[in-house]
Amino acid sequence: RTGTGKTTLACRVLPTLNQHVLLIDTKNDGYIRTHLAVNEISKLSKLEQSLAVNQFTLWKVPASFGPYEIDSVIEHLQENWTNLALYIDEAYSVHESGRAGPGLTAWLTRGRSLRQSVVLCSQRPSWISLFCLSEVYTIVCFNLTIDEDRKRVYKLTGRPEFLRRTTGPHSARVYDVLGDRIGVI
């Protein structure tokens, strides 16, 4: 849900990555700008120049851009950059008909060796491809109000805890995929 703490948590995690970070902003959320020292750009021609000198570059995606155009930018960066992280709020915005494009797919499958990481956030995990969800190391699940979304996370983790809503407005379940451990924040 809106206001549960996804972006707040991201603003705490992203500085610990020790990477340059491209924040892909499809909804023009002002919260990130007030909590991270970002260089905000809207022109694609300025993107790589900003990434080279700033830890955080916030790309205000033009309203005319759909998933294909955004994914094309991701694909170019995946092929040409190392030590770069992506932060995508509302990750379904880079999905076309529920499928990740070739750029995001390459980032998730070949990016580790290039020190490319990604933080995907979404209010609707059921709209995110199972492929993307299967490539994660950690799942942080805030208060999912729709059964379909909770079932998607349960299907991925096999943990029945995810079938129930969290109790507090900003509480979350954290699932460590590699360790098959669950915790609460």
C-alpha atoms as a PDB file:
ATOM      1  CA  ARG A   1       0.000   0.000   0.000  1.00  0.00           C
ATOM      2  CA  THR A   2       0.952   3.607  -0.354  1.00  0.00           C
ATOM      3  CA  GLY A   3       2.604   4.871   2.820  1.00  0.00           C
ATOM      4  CA  THR A   4       3.716   1.538   4.273  1.00  0.00           C
ATOM      5  CA  GLY A   5       7.418   2.339   4.082  1.00  0.00           C
ATOM      6  CA  LYS A   6       8.793   0.914   0.807  1.00  0.00           C
ATOM      7  CA  THR A   7      10.468   4.135  -0.298  1.00  0.00           C
ATOM      8  CA  THR A   8      11.637   4.961   3.232  1.00  0.00           C
ATOM      9  CA  LEU A   9      13.357   1.583   3.466  1.00  0.00           C
ATOM     10  CA  ALA A  10      14.883   2.051   0.018  1.00  0.00           C
ATOM     11  CA  CYS A  11      16.300   5.442   1.053  1.00  0.00           C
ATOM     12  CA  ARG A  12      18.046   3.689   3.946  1.00  0.00           C
ATOM     13  CA  VAL A  13      19.338   0.744   1.909  1.00  0.00           C
ATOM     14  CA  LEU A  14      20.549   2.504  -1.247  1.00  0.00           C
ATOM     15  CA  PRO A  15      23.399   4.495   0.411  1.00  0.00           C
ATOM     16  CA  THR A  16      24.842   1.230   1.773  1.00  0.00           C
ATOM     17  CA  LEU A  17      25.333  -0.241  -1.705  1.00  0.00           C
ATOM     18  CA  ASN A  18      28.596   1.630  -2.426  1.00  0.00           C
ATOM     19  CA  GLN A  19      27.527   1.981  -6.041  1.00  0.00           C
ATOM     20  CA  HIS A  20      26.255   4.682  -8.287  1.00  0.00           C
ATOM     21  CA  VAL A  21      22.465   4.402  -8.312  1.00  0.00           C
ATOM     22  CA  LEU A  22      19.987   5.237 -11.037  1.00  0.00           C
ATOM     23  CA  LEU A  23      16.578   5.935  -9.555  1.00  0.00           C
ATOM     24  CA  ILE A  24      13.930   5.395 -12.207  1.00  0.00           C
ATOM     25  CA  ASP A  25      11.042   7.685 -11.312  1.00  0.00           C
ATOM     26  CA  THR A  26       7.857   6.892 -13.213  1.00  0.00           C
ATOM     27  CA  LYS A  27       5.470   8.454 -10.718  1.00  0.00           C
ATOM     28  CA  ASN A  28       7.302  11.661  -9.764  1.00  0.00           C
ATOM     29  CA  ASP A  29       7.447  10.834  -6.071  1.00  0.00           C
ATOM     30  CA  GLY A  30       8.991  13.754  -4.187  1.00  0.00           C
ATOM     31  CA  TYR A  31       9.930  11.636  -1.158  1.00  0.00           C
ATOM     32  CA  ILE A  32      13.207  10.402  -2.628  1.00  0.00           C
ATOM     33  CA  ARG A  33      14.315  13.932  -3.515  1.00  0.00           C
ATOM     34  CA  THR A  34      13.893  15.015   0.088  1.00  0.00           C
ATOM     35  CA  HIS A  35      15.779  12.033   1.585  1.00  0.00           C
ATOM     36  CA  LEU A  36      18.682  11.424  -0.781  1.00  0.00           C
ATOM     37  CA  ALA A  37      21.091  13.882  -2.370  1.00  0.00           C
ATOM     38  CA  VAL A  38      20.008  13.210  -5.947  1.00  0.00           C
ATOM     39  CA  ASN A  39      20.938  14.808  -9.209  1.00  0.00           C
ATOM     40  CA  GLU A  40      17.620  15.027 -11.008  1.00  0.00           C
ATOM     41  CA  ILE A  41      17.548  14.788 -14.782  1.00  0.00           C
ATOM     42  CA  SER A  42      14.791  14.519 -17.345  1.00  0.00           C
ATOM     43  CA  LYS A  43      16.824  14.492 -20.553  1.00  0.00           C
ATOM     44  CA  LEU A  44      18.255  11.140 -21.504  1.00  0.00           C
ATOM     45  CA  SER A  45      21.229  12.861 -23.081  1.00  0.00           C
ATOM     46  CA  LYS A  46      22.355  13.891 -19.550  1.00  0.00           C
ATOM     47  CA  LEU A  47      21.930  10.448 -17.961  1.00  0.00           C
ATOM     48  CA  GLU A  48      25.383   8.928 -18.370  1.00  0.00           C
ATOM     49  CA  GLN A  49      27.149  12.178 -17.550  1.00  0.00           C
ATOM     50  CA  SER A  50      25.196  12.362 -14.285  1.00  0.00           C
ATOM     51  CA  LEU A  51      25.820   8.701 -13.431  1.00  0.00           C
ATOM     52  CA  ALA A  52      29.563   9.217 -13.831  1.00  0.00           C
ATOM     53  CA  VAL A  53      29.797  11.950 -11.195  1.00  0.00           C
ATOM     54  CA  ASN A  54      26.837  11.511  -8.823  1.00  0.00           C
ATOM     55  CA  GLN A  55      26.086   8.694  -6.411  1.00  0.00           C
ATOM     56  CA  PHE A  56      22.336   9.132  -7.000  1.00  0.00           C
ATOM     57  CA  THR A  57      20.811  10.109 -10.319  1.00  0.00           C
ATOM     58  CA  LEU A  58      17.042  10.468 -10.407  1.00  0.00           C
ATOM     59  CA  TRP A  59      15.701  10.054 -13.926  1.00  0.00           C
ATOM     60  CA  LYS A  60      12.278  11.606 -14.319  1.00  0.00           C
ATOM     61  CA  VAL A  61      10.870   9.316 -16.971  1.00  0.00           C
ATOM     62  CA  PRO A  62       8.888  11.204 -19.622  1.00  0.00           C
ATOM     63  CA  ALA A  63       5.149  10.472 -19.523  1.00  0.00           C
ATOM     64  CA  SER A  64       5.372   9.324 -23.139  1.00  0.00           C
ATOM     65  CA  PHE A  65       7.747   6.477 -22.193  1.00  0.00           C
ATOM     66  CA  GLY A  66       6.264   3.039 -21.708  1.00  0.00           C
ATOM     67  CA  PRO A  67       7.882  -0.192 -20.517  1.00  0.00           C
ATOM     68  CA  TYR A  68       9.679  -0.780 -23.826  1.00  0.00           C
ATOM     69  CA  GLU A  69      11.396   2.637 -23.836  1.00  0.00           C
ATOM     70  CA  ILE A  70      12.414   2.367 -20.180  1.00  0.00           C
ATOM     71  CA  ASP A  71      13.733  -1.157 -20.732  1.00  0.00           C
ATOM     72  CA  SER A  72      15.788   0.034 -23.717  1.00  0.00           C
ATOM     73  CA  VAL A  73      17.601   2.467 -21.410  1.00  0.00           C
ATOM     74  CA  ILE A  74      18.168  -0.322 -18.858  1.00  0.00           C
ATOM     75  CA  GLU A  75      19.521  -2.573 -21.616  1.00  0.00           C
ATOM     76  CA  HIS A  76      21.977   0.095 -22.793  1.00  0.00           C
ATOM     77  CA  LEU A  77      23.226   0.641 -19.230  1.00  0.00           C
ATOM     78  CA  GLN A  78      23.537  -3.098 -18.592  1.00  0.00           C
ATOM     79  CA  GLU A  79      25.764  -3.457 -21.640  1.00  0.00           C
ATOM     80  CA  ASN A  80      27.929  -0.399 -20.907  1.00  0.00           C
ATOM     81  CA  TRP A  81      28.207   0.123 -17.136  1.00  0.00           C
ATOM     82  CA  THR A  82      29.616  -1.667 -14.122  1.00  0.00           C
ATOM     83  CA  ASN A  83      29.168  -0.941 -10.429  1.00  0.00           C
ATOM     84  CA  LEU A  84      25.713   0.500 -10.996  1.00  0.00           C
ATOM     85  CA  ALA A  85      22.483  -0.142  -9.123  1.00  0.00           C
ATOM     86  CA  LEU A  86      18.948   0.453 -10.325  1.00  0.00           C
ATOM     87  CA  TYR A  87      16.121   1.492  -8.063  1.00  0.00           C
ATOM     88  CA  ILE A  88      12.738   1.070  -9.700  1.00  0.00           C
ATOM     89  CA  ASP A  89       9.693   2.108  -7.726  1.00  0.00           C
ATOM     90  CA  GLU A  90       6.568   0.514  -9.154  1.00  0.00           C
ATOM     91  CA  ALA A  91       8.502  -2.218 -10.919  1.00  0.00           C
ATOM     92  CA  TYR A  92       5.483  -3.178 -12.994  1.00  0.00           C
ATOM     93  CA  SER A  93       6.155   0.012 -14.979  1.00  0.00           C
ATOM     94  CA  VAL A  94       9.071  -1.789 -16.653  1.00  0.00           C
ATOM     95  CA  HIS A  95       6.948  -4.827 -17.504  1.00  0.00           C
ATOM     96  CA  GLU A  96       5.106  -5.238 -20.797  1.00  0.00           C
ATOM     97  CA  SER A  97       2.051  -7.488 -20.418  1.00  0.00           C
ATOM     98  CA  GLY A  98       3.489  -8.892 -17.180  1.00  0.00           C
ATOM     99  CA  ARG A  99       6.903  -9.744 -18.660  1.00  0.00           C
ATOM    100  CA  ALA A 100      10.280  -8.175 -18.023  1.00  0.00           C
ATOM    101  CA  GLY A 101      12.001  -6.833 -21.125  1.00  0.00           C
ATOM    102  CA  PRO A 102      15.456  -7.857 -22.364  1.00  0.00           C
ATOM    103  CA  GLY A 103      17.221  -5.059 -20.466  1.00  0.00           C
ATOM    104  CA  LEU A 104      15.866  -5.930 -17.042  1.00  0.00           C
ATOM    105  CA  THR A 105      16.256  -9.641 -17.825  1.00  0.00           C
ATOM    106  CA  ALA A 106      19.932  -9.136 -18.691  1.00  0.00           C
ATOM    107  CA  TRP A 107      20.454  -6.994 -15.590  1.00  0.00           C
ATOM    108  CA  LEU A 108      19.051  -9.726 -13.357  1.00  0.00           C
ATOM    109  CA  THR A 109      20.788 -12.674 -15.037  1.00  0.00           C
ATOM    110  CA  ARG A 110      24.184 -11.252 -16.015  1.00  0.00           C
ATOM    111  CA  GLY A 111      24.527  -8.228 -13.778  1.00  0.00           C
ATOM    112  CA  ARG A 112      26.123  -9.821 -10.716  1.00  0.00           C
ATOM    113  CA  SER A 113      29.477 -10.292 -12.437  1.00  0.00           C
ATOM    114  CA  LEU A 114      29.392  -6.618 -13.461  1.00  0.00           C
ATOM    115  CA  ARG A 115      28.470  -5.429  -9.937  1.00  0.00           C
ATOM    116  CA  GLN A 116      25.029  -4.438 -11.170  1.00  0.00           C
ATOM    117  CA  SER A 117      22.314  -4.664  -8.555  1.00  0.00           C
ATOM    118  CA  VAL A 118      18.670  -3.736  -8.485  1.00  0.00           C
ATOM    119  CA  VAL A 119      16.057  -2.778  -5.931  1.00  0.00           C
ATOM    120  CA  LEU A 120      12.539  -3.365  -7.232  1.00  0.00           C
ATOM    121  CA  CYS A 121       9.568  -1.995  -5.340  1.00  0.00           C
ATOM    122  CA  SER A 122       5.915  -2.529  -6.041  1.00  0.00           C
ATOM    123  CA  GLN A 123       2.546  -2.220  -4.402  1.00  0.00           C
ATOM    124  CA  ARG A 124       1.409  -5.142  -6.552  1.00  0.00           C
ATOM    125  CA  PRO A 125       3.776  -8.139  -6.555  1.00  0.00           C
ATOM    126  CA  SER A 126       1.186 -10.086  -8.555  1.00  0.00           C
ATOM    127  CA  TRP A 127       1.901  -7.715 -11.465  1.00  0.00           C
ATOM    128  CA  ILE A 128       5.637  -8.486 -11.400  1.00  0.00           C
ATOM    129  CA  SER A 129       6.894 -11.423 -13.451  1.00  0.00           C
ATOM    130  CA  LEU A 130       7.798 -14.542 -11.500  1.00  0.00           C
ATOM    131  CA  PHE A 131      11.132 -14.396 -13.314  1.00  0.00           C
ATOM    132  CA  CYS A 132      12.009 -11.064 -11.633  1.00  0.00           C
ATOM    133  CA  LEU A 133      10.836 -12.263  -8.255  1.00  0.00           C
ATOM    134  CA  SER A 134      12.777 -15.527  -8.588  1.00  0.00           C
ATOM    135  CA  GLU A 135      16.053 -13.632  -9.054  1.00  0.00           C
ATOM    136  CA  VAL A 136      15.967 -11.778  -5.719  1.00  0.00           C
ATOM    137  CA  TYR A 137      18.050 -12.384  -2.606  1.00  0.00           C
ATOM    138  CA  THR A 138      15.697 -10.639  -0.204  1.00  0.00           C
ATOM    139  CA  ILE A 139      11.962 -10.000  -0.192  1.00  0.00           C
ATOM    140  CA  VAL A 140      10.564  -7.294   2.059  1.00  0.00           C
ATOM    141  CA  CYS A 141       6.807  -7.572   2.195  1.00  0.00           C
ATOM    142  CA  PHE A 142       4.834  -4.728   3.708  1.00  0.00           C
ATOM    143  CA  ASN A 143       1.093  -4.756   4.345  1.00  0.00           C
ATOM    144  CA  LEU A 144      -0.331  -6.373   1.217  1.00  0.00           C
ATOM    145  CA  THR A 145      -4.074  -5.781   1.230  1.00  0.00           C
ATOM    146  CA  ILE A 146      -5.018  -7.889  -1.797  1.00  0.00           C
ATOM    147  CA  ASP A 147      -5.160 -11.695  -1.505  1.00  0.00           C
ATOM    148  CA  GLU A 148      -3.699 -12.155  -4.996  1.00  0.00           C
ATOM    149  CA  ASP A 149      -0.543 -10.278  -3.971  1.00  0.00           C
ATOM    150  CA  ARG A 150      -0.094 -12.260  -0.757  1.00  0.00           C
ATOM    151  CA  LYS A 151      -0.597 -15.518  -2.687  1.00  0.00           C
ATOM    152  CA  ARG A 152       2.103 -14.487  -5.185  1.00  0.00           C
ATOM    153  CA  VAL A 153       4.633 -13.984  -2.396  1.00  0.00           C
ATOM    154  CA  TYR A 154       3.565 -17.261  -0.760  1.00  0.00           C
ATOM    155  CA  LYS A 155       3.951 -19.084  -4.091  1.00  0.00           C
ATOM    156  CA  LEU A 156       7.462 -17.713  -4.413  1.00  0.00           C
ATOM    157  CA  THR A 157       8.604 -18.367  -0.836  1.00  0.00           C
ATOM    158  CA  GLY A 158       6.485 -21.315   0.265  1.00  0.00           C
ATOM    159  CA  ARG A 159       6.097 -19.553   3.613  1.00  0.00           C
ATOM    160  CA  PRO A 160       2.487 -19.437   4.905  1.00  0.00           C
ATOM    161  CA  GLU A 161       3.273 -16.286   6.927  1.00  0.00           C
ATOM    162  CA  PHE A 162       2.944 -14.325   3.687  1.00  0.00           C
ATOM    163  CA  LEU A 163      -0.708 -15.330   3.314  1.00  0.00           C
ATOM    164  CA  ARG A 164      -1.523 -13.092   6.296  1.00  0.00           C
ATOM    165  CA  ARG A 165      -1.365  -9.300   6.344  1.00  0.00           C
ATOM    166  CA  THR A 166       1.235  -7.675   8.555  1.00  0.00           C
ATOM    167  CA  THR A 167      -0.126  -6.104  11.715  1.00  0.00           C
ATOM    168  CA  GLY A 168       1.343  -2.610  11.956  1.00  0.00           C
ATOM    169  CA  PRO A 169       1.105   0.212   9.413  1.00  0.00           C
ATOM    170  CA  HIS A 170       4.880   0.185   8.794  1.00  0.00           C
ATOM    171  CA  SER A 171       5.749  -3.398   9.706  1.00  0.00           C
ATOM    172  CA  ALA A 172       7.115  -5.848   7.174  1.00  0.00           C
ATOM    173  CA  ARG A 173       8.169  -9.441   6.813  1.00  0.00           C
ATOM    174  CA  VAL A 174      11.685  -9.947   5.493  1.00  0.00           C
ATOM    175  CA  TYR A 175      12.554 -13.162   3.711  1.00  0.00           C
ATOM    176  CA  ASP A 176      16.182 -14.134   3.165  1.00  0.00           C
ATOM    177  CA  VAL A 177      15.968 -16.333   0.077  1.00  0.00           C
ATOM    178  CA  LEU A 178      19.420 -17.931   0.374  1.00  0.00           C
ATOM    179  CA  GLY A 179      19.071 -18.697   4.070  1.00  0.00           C
ATOM    180  CA  ASP A 180      15.359 -19.539   3.830  1.00  0.00           C
ATOM    181  CA  ARG A 181      14.795 -17.377   6.908  1.00  0.00           C
ATOM    182  CA  ILE A 182      12.001 -14.997   7.739  1.00  0.00           C
ATOM    183  CA  GLY A 183      12.058 -12.023  10.080  1.00  0.00           C
ATOM    184  CA  VAL A 184      10.000  -8.960  10.935  1.00  0.00           C
ATOM    185  CA  ILE A 185      10.904  -5.269  10.855  1.00  0.00           C
END
